[in-house]
Amino acid sequence: MLFDVGILFKIGAMGILLMVIEKVLEANGKKEIASLANLAGVVIILVTVIGMVANLFDTVKTMFTL
């Protein structure tokens, strides 16, 4: 199967974890570190999505034998 629904749950869980980490760090007065952690999490999620899109393009390329 090309697209696994479990990936969506993993991305959602990473987003929730990022929100919790950000709130805890901001409550302790570490706003800069919270922003940095948030940025790192977004980059990790984007790398995951980019990998999925690349896999999709490869599949389309092989389907149409381009």
N, C-alpha and C. Protein backbone atom coordinates (compact mmCIF):
# COMPACT_ATOMS: atom_id res chain seq x y z
N MET A 1 0.85 -1.18 0.00
CA MET A 1 0.00 0.00 0.00
C MET A 1 0.89 1.24 0.00
N LEU A 2 0.59 2.17 -0.88
CA LEU A 2 1.43 3.35 -1.04
C LEU A 2 1.32 4.30 0.15
N PHE A 3 0.10 4.56 0.57
CA PHE A 3 -0.11 5.55 1.62
C PHE A 3 -0.62 4.87 2.87
N ASP A 4 0.13 4.96 3.93
CA ASP A 4 -0.25 4.34 5.18
C ASP A 4 -0.88 5.39 6.09
N VAL A 5 -2.03 5.09 6.64
CA VAL A 5 -2.74 6.03 7.51
C VAL A 5 -1.96 6.23 8.80
N GLY A 6 -1.14 5.29 9.17
CA GLY A 6 -0.33 5.42 10.38
C GLY A 6 0.61 6.62 10.33
N ILE A 7 1.03 7.00 9.13
CA ILE A 7 1.89 8.19 8.97
C ILE A 7 1.15 9.43 9.45
N LEU A 8 -0.14 9.52 9.12
CA LEU A 8 -0.92 10.68 9.57
C LEU A 8 -0.98 10.74 11.09
N PHE A 9 -1.15 9.59 11.73
CA PHE A 9 -1.19 9.57 13.18
C PHE A 9 0.16 9.94 13.78
N LYS A 10 1.24 9.51 13.15
CA LYS A 10 2.58 9.88 13.63
C LYS A 10 2.81 11.38 13.52
N ILE A 11 2.39 11.98 12.40
CA ILE A 11 2.55 13.42 12.22
C ILE A 11 1.70 14.17 13.24
N GLY A 12 0.49 13.69 13.48
CA GLY A 12 -0.37 14.31 14.48
C GLY A 12 0.21 14.20 15.88
N ALA A 13 0.76 13.04 16.20
CA ALA A 13 1.37 12.85 17.52
C ALA A 13 2.59 13.75 17.69
N MET A 14 3.38 13.90 16.62
CA MET A 14 4.53 14.80 16.70
C MET A 14 4.07 16.24 16.93
N GLY A 15 2.99 16.63 16.28
CA GLY A 15 2.46 17.98 16.47
C GLY A 15 1.99 18.21 17.89
N ILE A 16 1.29 17.24 18.46
CA ILE A 16 0.83 17.35 19.85
C ILE A 16 2.01 17.41 20.79
N LEU A 17 3.01 16.57 20.56
CA LEU A 17 4.21 16.57 21.40
C LEU A 17 4.93 17.91 21.32
N LEU A 18 4.99 18.49 20.13
CA LEU A 18 5.62 19.80 19.97
C LEU A 18 4.88 20.87 20.76
N MET A 19 3.55 20.82 20.74
CA MET A 19 2.78 21.81 21.49
C MET A 19 3.03 21.68 22.99
N VAL A 20 3.09 20.44 23.48
CA VAL A 20 3.33 20.22 24.91
C VAL A 20 4.71 20.72 25.31
N ILE A 21 5.72 20.38 24.50
CA ILE A 21 7.08 20.83 24.80
C ILE A 21 7.16 22.35 24.80
N GLU A 22 6.50 22.98 23.82
CA GLU A 22 6.53 24.44 23.74
C GLU A 22 5.88 25.08 24.96
N LYS A 23 4.74 24.55 25.39
CA LYS A 23 4.05 25.12 26.55
C LYS A 23 4.86 24.95 27.83
N VAL A 24 5.49 23.79 27.99
CA VAL A 24 6.30 23.55 29.19
C VAL A 24 7.51 24.48 29.22
N LEU A 25 8.18 24.63 28.08
CA LEU A 25 9.35 25.51 28.04
C LEU A 25 8.96 26.97 28.23
N GLU A 26 7.85 27.40 27.65
CA GLU A 26 7.43 28.78 27.82
C GLU A 26 7.01 29.05 29.26
N ALA A 27 6.42 28.07 29.93
CA ALA A 27 6.03 28.23 31.33
C ALA A 27 7.25 28.37 32.23
N ASN A 28 8.37 27.81 31.82
CA ASN A 28 9.60 27.90 32.60
C ASN A 28 10.46 29.08 32.18
N GLY A 29 9.94 29.93 31.31
CA GLY A 29 10.67 31.13 30.92
C GLY A 29 11.73 30.92 29.86
N LYS A 30 11.66 29.86 29.14
CA LYS A 30 12.65 29.56 28.10
C LYS A 30 12.00 29.67 26.73
N LYS A 31 11.55 30.88 26.41
CA LYS A 31 10.82 31.10 25.16
C LYS A 31 11.69 30.86 23.93
N GLU A 32 12.99 31.22 24.00
CA GLU A 32 13.87 31.03 22.85
C GLU A 32 14.07 29.55 22.54
N ILE A 33 14.25 28.75 23.58
CA ILE A 33 14.45 27.32 23.39
C ILE A 33 13.15 26.68 22.89
N ALA A 34 12.01 27.19 23.36
CA ALA A 34 10.72 26.68 22.89
C ALA A 34 10.56 26.94 21.39
N SER A 35 10.96 28.13 20.95
CA SER A 35 10.87 28.45 19.52
C SER A 35 11.80 27.56 18.71
N LEU A 36 13.00 27.33 19.23
CA LEU A 36 13.96 26.47 18.54
C LEU A 36 13.46 25.03 18.45
N ALA A 37 12.87 24.53 19.54
CA ALA A 37 12.33 23.16 19.53
C ALA A 37 11.16 23.06 18.55
N ASN A 38 10.35 24.10 18.50
CA ASN A 38 9.22 24.12 17.58
C ASN A 38 9.72 24.11 16.13
N LEU A 39 10.72 24.89 15.84
CA LEU A 39 11.29 24.92 14.49
C LEU A 39 11.89 23.57 14.11
N ALA A 40 12.60 22.94 15.04
CA ALA A 40 13.19 21.63 14.76
C ALA A 40 12.10 20.60 14.48
N GLY A 41 11.02 20.65 15.23
CA GLY A 41 9.91 19.72 15.01
C GLY A 41 9.26 19.91 13.66
N VAL A 42 9.07 21.16 13.27
CA VAL A 42 8.47 21.44 11.96
C VAL A 42 9.37 20.93 10.84
N VAL A 43 10.68 21.09 10.99
CA VAL A 43 11.62 20.59 9.98
C VAL A 43 11.53 19.07 9.88
N ILE A 44 11.44 18.39 11.01
CA ILE A 44 11.33 16.93 11.00
C ILE A 44 10.05 16.49 10.29
N ILE A 45 8.95 17.17 10.57
CA ILE A 45 7.68 16.83 9.92
C ILE A 45 7.76 17.11 8.42
N LEU A 46 8.38 18.22 8.03
CA LEU A 46 8.51 18.53 6.61
C LEU A 46 9.36 17.51 5.88
N VAL A 47 10.42 17.04 6.51
CA VAL A 47 11.27 16.01 5.88
C VAL A 47 10.45 14.74 5.66
N THR A 48 9.61 14.39 6.62
CA THR A 48 8.75 13.22 6.47
C THR A 48 7.79 13.39 5.30
N VAL A 49 7.16 14.55 5.21
CA VAL A 49 6.19 14.80 4.13
C VAL A 49 6.89 14.86 2.78
N ILE A 50 8.06 15.46 2.72
CA ILE A 50 8.80 15.53 1.46
C ILE A 50 9.18 14.14 0.98
N GLY A 51 9.55 13.27 1.90
CA GLY A 51 9.85 11.88 1.53
C GLY A 51 8.64 11.18 0.96
N MET A 52 7.46 11.44 1.54
CA MET A 52 6.23 10.83 1.02
C MET A 52 5.90 11.36 -0.37
N VAL A 53 6.09 12.66 -0.59
CA VAL A 53 5.80 13.25 -1.90
C VAL A 53 6.78 12.70 -2.95
N ALA A 54 8.04 12.54 -2.59
CA ALA A 54 9.02 11.97 -3.53
C ALA A 54 8.64 10.55 -3.90
N ASN A 55 8.18 9.79 -2.91
CA ASN A 55 7.74 8.42 -3.19
C ASN A 55 6.53 8.43 -4.12
N LEU A 56 5.63 9.37 -3.92
CA LEU A 56 4.46 9.49 -4.81
C LEU A 56 4.88 9.79 -6.24
N PHE A 57 5.83 10.73 -6.42
CA PHE A 57 6.30 11.06 -7.77
C PHE A 57 6.97 9.87 -8.43
N ASP A 58 7.75 9.10 -7.66
CA ASP A 58 8.38 7.90 -8.21
C ASP A 58 7.34 6.89 -8.67
N THR A 59 6.29 6.74 -7.88
CA THR A 59 5.23 5.80 -8.24
C THR A 59 4.50 6.25 -9.50
N VAL A 60 4.20 7.53 -9.60
CA VAL A 60 3.53 8.04 -10.80
C VAL A 60 4.42 7.88 -12.02
N LYS A 61 5.72 8.13 -11.83
CA LYS A 61 6.66 7.98 -12.94
C LYS A 61 6.69 6.54 -13.43
N THR A 62 6.69 5.57 -12.54
CA THR A 62 6.73 4.18 -12.96
C THR A 62 5.40 3.73 -13.55
N MET A 63 4.30 4.33 -13.09
CA MET A 63 2.99 3.96 -13.65
C MET A 63 2.89 4.37 -15.11
N PHE A 64 3.39 5.54 -15.43
CA PHE A 64 3.30 6.03 -16.80
C PHE A 64 4.58 5.79 -17.59
N THR A 65 5.51 5.09 -17.01
CA THR A 65 6.79 4.75 -17.62
C THR A 65 7.43 5.94 -18.32
N LEU A 66 7.62 7.00 -17.55
CA LEU A 66 8.25 8.21 -18.09
C LEU A 66 9.75 8.17 -17.90
